[in-house]
PDB file of all heavy atoms in Angstrom:
ATOM      1  N   ALA A   1       0.828  -1.212   0.000  1.00  0.00           N
ATOM      2  CA  ALA A   1       0.000   0.000   0.000  1.00  0.00           C
ATOM      3  C   ALA A   1       0.859   1.258   0.000  1.00  0.00           C
ATOM      4  O   ALA A   1       0.486   2.269  -0.601  1.00  0.00           O
ATOM      5  CB  ALA A   1      -0.919  -0.010   1.219  1.00  0.00           C
ATOM      6  N   LEU A   2       2.001   1.214   0.678  1.00  0.00           N
ATOM      7  CA  LEU A   2       2.818   2.409   0.855  1.00  0.00           C
ATOM      8  C   LEU A   2       3.850   2.612  -0.247  1.00  0.00           C
ATOM      9  O   LEU A   2       4.399   3.711  -0.371  1.00  0.00           O
ATOM     10  CB  LEU A   2       3.527   2.357   2.209  1.00  0.00           C
ATOM     11  CG  LEU A   2       2.628   2.427   3.436  1.00  0.00           C
ATOM     12  CD1 LEU A   2       3.465   2.349   4.703  1.00  0.00           C
ATOM     13  CD2 LEU A   2       1.798   3.699   3.431  1.00  0.00           C
ATOM     14  N   VAL A   3       4.117   1.576  -1.042  1.00  0.00           N
ATOM     15  CA  VAL A   3       5.185   1.694  -2.043  1.00  0.00           C
ATOM     16  C   VAL A   3       4.851   2.730  -3.108  1.00  0.00           C
ATOM     17  O   VAL A   3       5.747   3.297  -3.731  1.00  0.00           O
ATOM     18  CB  VAL A   3       5.469   0.313  -2.680  1.00  0.00           C
ATOM     19  CG1 VAL A   3       4.374  -0.080  -3.682  1.00  0.00           C
ATOM     20  CG2 VAL A   3       6.851   0.288  -3.333  1.00  0.00           C
ATOM     21  N   ILE A   4       3.573   3.037  -3.309  1.00  0.00           N
ATOM     22  CA  ILE A   4       3.196   4.069  -4.284  1.00  0.00           C
ATOM     23  C   ILE A   4       3.375   5.466  -3.715  1.00  0.00           C
ATOM     24  O   ILE A   4       3.139   6.450  -4.405  1.00  0.00           O
ATOM     25  CB  ILE A   4       1.745   3.880  -4.763  1.00  0.00           C
ATOM     26  CG1 ILE A   4       0.757   4.118  -3.614  1.00  0.00           C
ATOM     27  CG2 ILE A   4       1.548   2.506  -5.404  1.00  0.00           C
ATOM     28  CD1 ILE A   4      -0.697   4.202  -4.053  1.00  0.00           C
ATOM     29  N   LYS A   5       3.771   5.548  -2.430  1.00  0.00           N
ATOM     30  CA  LYS A   5       3.929   6.820  -1.722  1.00  0.00           C
ATOM     31  C   LYS A   5       2.632   7.631  -1.739  1.00  0.00           C
ATOM     32  O   LYS A   5       2.587   8.768  -2.226  1.00  0.00           O
ATOM     33  CB  LYS A   5       5.093   7.612  -2.301  1.00  0.00           C
ATOM     34  CG  LYS A   5       6.423   6.907  -2.122  1.00  0.00           C
ATOM     35  CD  LYS A   5       7.588   7.729  -2.627  1.00  0.00           C
ATOM     36  CE  LYS A   5       8.900   6.989  -2.381  1.00  0.00           C
ATOM     37  NZ  LYS A   5      10.079   7.748  -2.900  1.00  0.00           N
ATOM     38  N   PRO A   6       1.568   7.055  -1.198  1.00  0.00           N
ATOM     39  CA  PRO A   6       0.270   7.723  -1.242  1.00  0.00           C
ATOM     40  C   PRO A   6       0.216   8.905  -0.270  1.00  0.00           C
ATOM     41  O   PRO A   6       0.958   8.963   0.702  1.00  0.00           O
ATOM     42  CB  PRO A   6      -0.698   6.630  -0.800  1.00  0.00           C
ATOM     43  CG  PRO A   6       0.119   5.795   0.146  1.00  0.00           C
ATOM     44  CD  PRO A   6       1.503   5.785  -0.455  1.00  0.00           C
ATOM     45  N   ARG A   7      -0.692   9.807  -0.535  1.00  0.00           N
ATOM     46  CA  ARG A   7      -0.951  10.884   0.428  1.00  0.00           C
ATOM     47  C   ARG A   7      -1.901  10.411   1.516  1.00  0.00           C
ATOM     48  O   ARG A   7      -1.890  10.924   2.628  1.00  0.00           O
ATOM     49  CB  ARG A   7      -1.569  12.087  -0.289  1.00  0.00           C
ATOM     50  CG  ARG A   7      -0.710  12.660  -1.398  1.00  0.00           C
ATOM     51  CD  ARG A   7      -1.307  13.937  -1.909  1.00  0.00           C
ATOM     52  NE  ARG A   7      -0.666  14.385  -3.127  1.00  0.00           N
ATOM     53  CZ  ARG A   7      -0.534  15.660  -3.463  1.00  0.00           C
ATOM     54  NH1 ARG A   7      -0.992  16.602  -2.670  1.00  0.00           N
ATOM     55  NH2 ARG A   7       0.035  16.010  -4.595  1.00  0.00           N
ATOM     56  N   LEU A   8      -2.753   9.460   1.162  1.00  0.00           N
ATOM     57  CA  LEU A   8      -3.786   8.973   2.076  1.00  0.00           C
ATOM     58  C   LEU A   8      -3.721   7.458   2.154  1.00  0.00           C
ATOM     59  O   LEU A   8      -3.638   6.780   1.128  1.00  0.00           O
ATOM     60  CB  LEU A   8      -5.166   9.406   1.581  1.00  0.00           C
ATOM     61  CG  LEU A   8      -6.386   8.861   2.328  1.00  0.00           C
ATOM     62  CD1 LEU A   8      -6.453   9.427   3.740  1.00  0.00           C
ATOM     63  CD2 LEU A   8      -7.670   9.195   1.559  1.00  0.00           C
ATOM     64  N   LEU A   9      -3.766   6.914   3.369  1.00  0.00           N
ATOM     65  CA  LEU A   9      -3.836   5.475   3.571  1.00  0.00           C
ATOM     66  C   LEU A   9      -5.177   5.129   4.194  1.00  0.00           C
ATOM     67  O   LEU A   9      -5.528   5.643   5.256  1.00  0.00           O
ATOM     68  CB  LEU A   9      -2.704   4.998   4.489  1.00  0.00           C
ATOM     69  CG  LEU A   9      -2.675   3.494   4.773  1.00  0.00           C
ATOM     70  CD1 LEU A   9      -2.339   2.700   3.520  1.00  0.00           C
ATOM     71  CD2 LEU A   9      -1.659   3.168   5.886  1.00  0.00           C
ATOM     72  N   LEU A  10      -5.948   4.282   3.515  1.00  0.00           N
ATOM     73  CA  LEU A  10      -7.211   3.769   4.024  1.00  0.00           C
ATOM     74  C   LEU A  10      -6.997   2.331   4.468  1.00  0.00           C
ATOM     75  O   LEU A  10      -6.514   1.509   3.686  1.00  0.00           O
ATOM     76  CB  LEU A  10      -8.294   3.826   2.936  1.00  0.00           C
ATOM     77  CG  LEU A  10      -8.598   5.201   2.336  1.00  0.00           C
ATOM     78  CD1 LEU A  10      -9.613   5.069   1.215  1.00  0.00           C
ATOM     79  CD2 LEU A  10      -9.095   6.166   3.398  1.00  0.00           C
ATOM     80  N   ALA A  11      -7.356   2.024   5.698  1.00  0.00           N
ATOM     81  CA  ALA A  11      -7.136   0.678   6.230  1.00  0.00           C
ATOM     82  C   ALA A  11      -8.431   0.153   6.826  1.00  0.00           C
ATOM     83  O   ALA A  11      -9.064   0.824   7.644  1.00  0.00           O
ATOM     84  CB  ALA A  11      -6.033   0.692   7.284  1.00  0.00           C
ATOM     85  N   ASP A  12      -8.820  -1.040   6.408  1.00  0.00           N
ATOM     86  CA  ASP A  12     -10.075  -1.653   6.839  1.00  0.00           C
ATOM     87  C   ASP A  12      -9.765  -2.846   7.734  1.00  0.00           C
ATOM     88  O   ASP A  12      -9.359  -3.903   7.259  1.00  0.00           O
ATOM     89  CB  ASP A  12     -10.880  -2.097   5.609  1.00  0.00           C
ATOM     90  CG  ASP A  12     -12.292  -2.526   5.974  1.00  0.00           C
ATOM     91  OD1 ASP A  12     -12.664  -2.440   7.155  1.00  0.00           O
ATOM     92  OD2 ASP A  12     -13.026  -2.941   5.066  1.00  0.00           O
ATOM     93  N   GLU A  13      -9.899  -2.652   9.035  1.00  0.00           N
ATOM     94  CA  GLU A  13      -9.622  -3.710  10.016  1.00  0.00           C
ATOM     95  C   GLU A  13      -8.247  -4.339   9.778  1.00  0.00           C
ATOM     96  O   GLU A  13      -8.134  -5.563   9.637  1.00  0.00           O
ATOM     97  CB  GLU A  13     -10.710  -4.791   9.971  1.00  0.00           C
ATOM     98  CG  GLU A  13     -12.093  -4.302  10.326  1.00  0.00           C
ATOM     99  CD  GLU A  13     -12.255  -3.997  11.812  1.00  0.00           C
ATOM    100  OE1 GLU A  13     -11.297  -4.191  12.579  1.00  0.00           O
ATOM    101  OE2 GLU A  13     -13.342  -3.551  12.189  1.00  0.00           O
ATOM    102  N   PRO A  14      -7.173  -3.552   9.732  1.00  0.00           N
ATOM    103  CA  PRO A  14      -5.863  -4.112   9.377  1.00  0.00           C
ATOM    104  C   PRO A  14      -5.318  -5.103  10.391  1.00  0.00           C
ATOM    105  O   PRO A  14      -4.413  -5.877  10.067  1.00  0.00           O
ATOM    106  CB  PRO A  14      -4.971  -2.867   9.291  1.00  0.00           C
ATOM    107  CG  PRO A  14      -5.622  -1.878  10.205  1.00  0.00           C
ATOM    108  CD  PRO A  14      -7.092  -2.118  10.040  1.00  0.00           C
ATOM    109  N   THR A  15      -5.850  -5.089  11.615  1.00  0.00           N
ATOM    110  CA  THR A  15      -5.372  -6.027  12.636  1.00  0.00           C
ATOM    111  C   THR A  15      -6.430  -7.075  12.975  1.00  0.00           C
ATOM    112  O   THR A  15      -6.288  -7.800  13.958  1.00  0.00           O
ATOM    113  CB  THR A  15      -4.978  -5.271  13.918  1.00  0.00           C
ATOM    114  OG1 THR A  15      -6.136  -4.613  14.455  1.00  0.00           O
ATOM    115  CG2 THR A  15      -3.903  -4.235  13.636  1.00  0.00           C
ATOM    116  N   GLY A  16      -7.473  -7.176  12.150  1.00  0.00           N
ATOM    117  CA  GLY A  16      -8.597  -8.058  12.478  1.00  0.00           C
ATOM    118  C   GLY A  16      -8.243  -9.515  12.606  1.00  0.00           C
ATOM    119  O   GLY A  16      -8.890 -10.255  13.344  1.00  0.00           O
ATOM    120  N   ASN A  17      -7.203  -9.955  11.888  1.00  0.00           N
ATOM    121  CA  ASN A  17      -6.811 -11.363  11.935  1.00  0.00           C
ATOM    122  C   ASN A  17      -5.502 -11.593  12.681  1.00  0.00           C
ATOM    123  O   ASN A  17      -4.893 -12.651  12.553  1.00  0.00           O
ATOM    124  CB  ASN A  17      -6.681 -11.911  10.504  1.00  0.00           C
ATOM    125  CG  ASN A  17      -8.028 -12.065   9.833  1.00  0.00           C
ATOM    126  OD1 ASN A  17      -8.974 -12.555  10.437  1.00  0.00           O
ATOM    127  ND2 ASN A  17      -8.124 -11.628   8.597  1.00  0.00           N
ATOM    128  N   LEU A  18      -5.078 -10.595  13.465  1.00  0.00           N
ATOM    129  CA  LEU A  18      -3.801 -10.704  14.166  1.00  0.00           C
ATOM    130  C   LEU A  18      -4.010 -10.867  15.657  1.00  0.00           C
ATOM    131  O   LEU A  18      -4.987 -10.375  16.223  1.00  0.00           O
ATOM    132  CB  LEU A  18      -2.961  -9.443  13.910  1.00  0.00           C
ATOM    133  CG  LEU A  18      -2.640  -9.110  12.451  1.00  0.00           C
ATOM    134  CD1 LEU A  18      -1.780  -7.846  12.390  1.00  0.00           C
ATOM    135  CD2 LEU A  18      -1.943 -10.269  11.749  1.00  0.00           C
ATOM    136  N   ASP A  19      -3.055 -11.547  16.296  1.00  0.00           N
ATOM    137  CA  ASP A  19      -3.097 -11.663  17.748  1.00  0.00           C
ATOM    138  C   ASP A  19      -2.628 -10.353  18.375  1.00  0.00           C
ATOM    139  O   ASP A  19      -2.214  -9.419  17.686  1.00  0.00           O
ATOM    140  CB  ASP A  19      -2.254 -12.852  18.224  1.00  0.00           C
ATOM    141  CG  ASP A  19      -0.785 -12.752  17.814  1.00  0.00           C
ATOM    142  OD1 ASP A  19      -0.280 -11.638  17.590  1.00  0.00           O
ATOM    143  OD2 ASP A  19      -0.136 -13.818  17.702  1.00  0.00           O
ATOM    144  N   SER A  20      -2.709 -10.271  19.696  1.00  0.00           N
ATOM    145  CA  SER A  20      -2.424  -9.008  20.375  1.00  0.00           C
ATOM    146  C   SER A  20      -0.979  -8.549  20.164  1.00  0.00           C
ATOM    147  O   SER A  20      -0.717  -7.353  20.022  1.00  0.00           O
ATOM    148  CB  SER A  20      -2.719  -9.140  21.873  1.00  0.00           C
ATOM    149  OG  SER A  20      -1.950 -10.183  22.445  1.00  0.00           O
ATOM    150  N   GLN A  21      -0.047  -9.486  20.128  1.00  0.00           N
ATOM    151  CA  GLN A  21       1.351  -9.117  19.948  1.00  0.00           C
ATOM    152  C   GLN A  21       1.596  -8.526  18.562  1.00  0.00           C
ATOM    153  O   GLN A  21       2.248  -7.488  18.423  1.00  0.00           O
ATOM    154  CB  GLN A  21       2.255 -10.337  20.164  1.00  0.00           C
ATOM    155  CG  GLN A  21       3.746 -10.009  20.135  1.00  0.00           C
ATOM    156  CD  GLN A  21       4.608 -11.221  20.456  1.00  0.00           C
ATOM    157  OE1 GLN A  21       4.234 -12.355  20.158  1.00  0.00           O
ATOM    158  NE2 GLN A  21       5.747 -10.990  21.065  1.00  0.00           N
ATOM    159  N   ASN A  22       1.049  -9.178  17.541  1.00  0.00           N
ATOM    160  CA  ASN A  22       1.216  -8.670  16.185  1.00  0.00           C
ATOM    161  C   ASN A  22       0.437  -7.383  15.963  1.00  0.00           C
ATOM    162  O   ASN A  22       0.847  -6.524  15.180  1.00  0.00           O
ATOM    163  CB  ASN A  22       0.795  -9.730  15.162  1.00  0.00           C
ATOM    164  CG  ASN A  22       1.905 -10.724  14.878  1.00  0.00           C
ATOM    165  OD1 ASN A  22       3.030 -10.342  14.579  1.00  0.00           O
ATOM    166  ND2 ASN A  22       1.594 -12.005  14.982  1.00  0.00           N
ATOM    167  N   THR A  23      -0.700  -7.241  16.654  1.00  0.00           N
ATOM    168  CA  THR A  23      -1.455  -5.986  16.582  1.00  0.00           C
ATOM    169  C   THR A  23      -0.610  -4.835  17.103  1.00  0.00           C
ATOM    170  O   THR A  23      -0.538  -3.764  16.489  1.00  0.00           O
ATOM    171  CB  THR A  23      -2.753  -6.095  17.400  1.00  0.00           C
ATOM    172  OG1 THR A  23      -3.632  -7.035  16.766  1.00  0.00           O
ATOM    173  CG2 THR A  23      -3.461  -4.751  17.490  1.00  0.00           C
ATOM    174  N   GLU A  24       0.054  -5.048  18.227  1.00  0.00           N
ATOM    175  CA  GLU A  24       0.899  -4.003  18.810  1.00  0.00           C
ATOM    176  C   GLU A  24       2.055  -3.656  17.884  1.00  0.00           C
ATOM    177  O   GLU A  24       2.395  -2.483  17.693  1.00  0.00           O
ATOM    178  CB  GLU A  24       1.436  -4.466  20.163  1.00  0.00           C
ATOM    179  CG  GLU A  24       2.243  -3.407  20.895  1.00  0.00           C
ATOM    180  CD  GLU A  24       2.660  -3.853  22.289  1.00  0.00           C
ATOM    181  OE1 GLU A  24       2.174  -4.893  22.756  1.00  0.00           O
ATOM    182  OE2 GLU A  24       3.486  -3.146  22.892  1.00  0.00           O
ATOM    183  N   ARG A  25       2.664  -4.688  17.284  1.00  0.00           N
ATOM    184  CA  ARG A  25       3.781  -4.445  16.366  1.00  0.00           C
ATOM    185  C   ARG A  25       3.332  -3.651  15.145  1.00  0.00           C
ATOM    186  O   ARG A  25       4.013  -2.717  14.707  1.00  0.00           O
ATOM    187  CB  ARG A  25       4.387  -5.779  15.916  1.00  0.00           C
ATOM    188  CG  ARG A  25       5.173  -6.495  16.990  1.00  0.00           C
ATOM    189  CD  ARG A  25       5.636  -7.854  16.510  1.00  0.00           C
ATOM    190  NE  ARG A  25       6.426  -8.550  17.511  1.00  0.00           N
ATOM    191  CZ  ARG A  25       6.809  -9.821  17.412  1.00  0.00           C
ATOM    192  NH1 ARG A  25       6.443 -10.531  16.345  1.00  0.00           N
ATOM    193  NH2 ARG A  25       7.517 -10.377  18.364  1.00  0.00           N
ATOM    194  N   LEU A  26       2.168  -4.012  14.590  1.00  0.00           N
ATOM    195  CA  LEU A  26       1.673  -3.311  13.415  1.00  0.00           C
ATOM    196  C   LEU A  26       1.315  -1.867  13.759  1.00  0.00           C
ATOM    197  O   LEU A  26       1.563  -0.948  12.977  1.00  0.00           O
ATOM    198  CB  LEU A  26       0.468  -4.034  12.818  1.00  0.00           C
ATOM    199  CG  LEU A  26      -0.002  -3.504  11.456  1.00  0.00           C
ATOM    200  CD1 LEU A  26       1.056  -3.767  10.387  1.00  0.00           C
ATOM    201  CD2 LEU A  26      -1.316  -4.144  11.037  1.00  0.00           C
ATOM    202  N   LEU A  27       0.754  -1.655  14.941  1.00  0.00           N
ATOM    203  CA  LEU A  27       0.412  -0.303  15.383  1.00  0.00           C
ATOM    204  C   LEU A  27       1.669   0.558  15.488  1.00  0.00           C
ATOM    205  O   LEU A  27       1.695   1.706  15.021  1.00  0.00           O
ATOM    206  CB  LEU A  27      -0.307  -0.363  16.730  1.00  0.00           C
ATOM    207  CG  LEU A  27      -0.677   0.969  17.374  1.00  0.00           C
ATOM    208  CD1 LEU A  27      -1.622   1.746  16.471  1.00  0.00           C
ATOM    209  CD2 LEU A  27      -1.312   0.742  18.737  1.00  0.00           C
ATOM    210  N   GLU A  28       2.715   0.016  16.074  1.00  0.00           N
ATOM    211  CA  GLU A  28       3.975   0.750  16.198  1.00  0.00           C
ATOM    212  C   GLU A  28       4.560   1.050  14.824  1.00  0.00           C
ATOM    213  O   GLU A  28       5.090   2.140  14.581  1.00  0.00           O
ATOM    214  CB  GLU A  28       4.966  -0.055  17.034  1.00  0.00           C
ATOM    215  CG  GLU A  28       4.570  -0.176  18.503  1.00  0.00           C
ATOM    216  CD  GLU A  28       5.468  -1.130  19.271  1.00  0.00           C
ATOM    217  OE1 GLU A  28       6.318  -1.795  18.624  1.00  0.00           O
ATOM    218  OE2 GLU A  28       5.327  -1.219  20.493  1.00  0.00           O
ATOM    219  N   LEU A  29       4.453   0.089  13.920  1.00  0.00           N
ATOM    220  CA  LEU A  29       4.981   0.272  12.572  1.00  0.00           C
ATOM    221  C   LEU A  29       4.214   1.357  11.822  1.00  0.00           C
ATOM    222  O   LEU A  29       4.806   2.228  11.179  1.00  0.00           O
ATOM    223  CB  LEU A  29       4.909  -1.052  11.806  1.00  0.00           C
ATOM    224  CG  LEU A  29       5.383  -1.031  10.355  1.00  0.00           C
ATOM    225  CD1 LEU A  29       6.847  -0.615  10.281  1.00  0.00           C
ATOM    226  CD2 LEU A  29       5.188  -2.404   9.720  1.00  0.00           C
TER     227      LEU A  29
END
């Protein structure tokens, strides 16, 4: 999603299938 260098990022439940640890990592990222 980011490789096109967008001005706007739309994310639909990006952590919906992740456990709590991976959710935290993705949030930090």
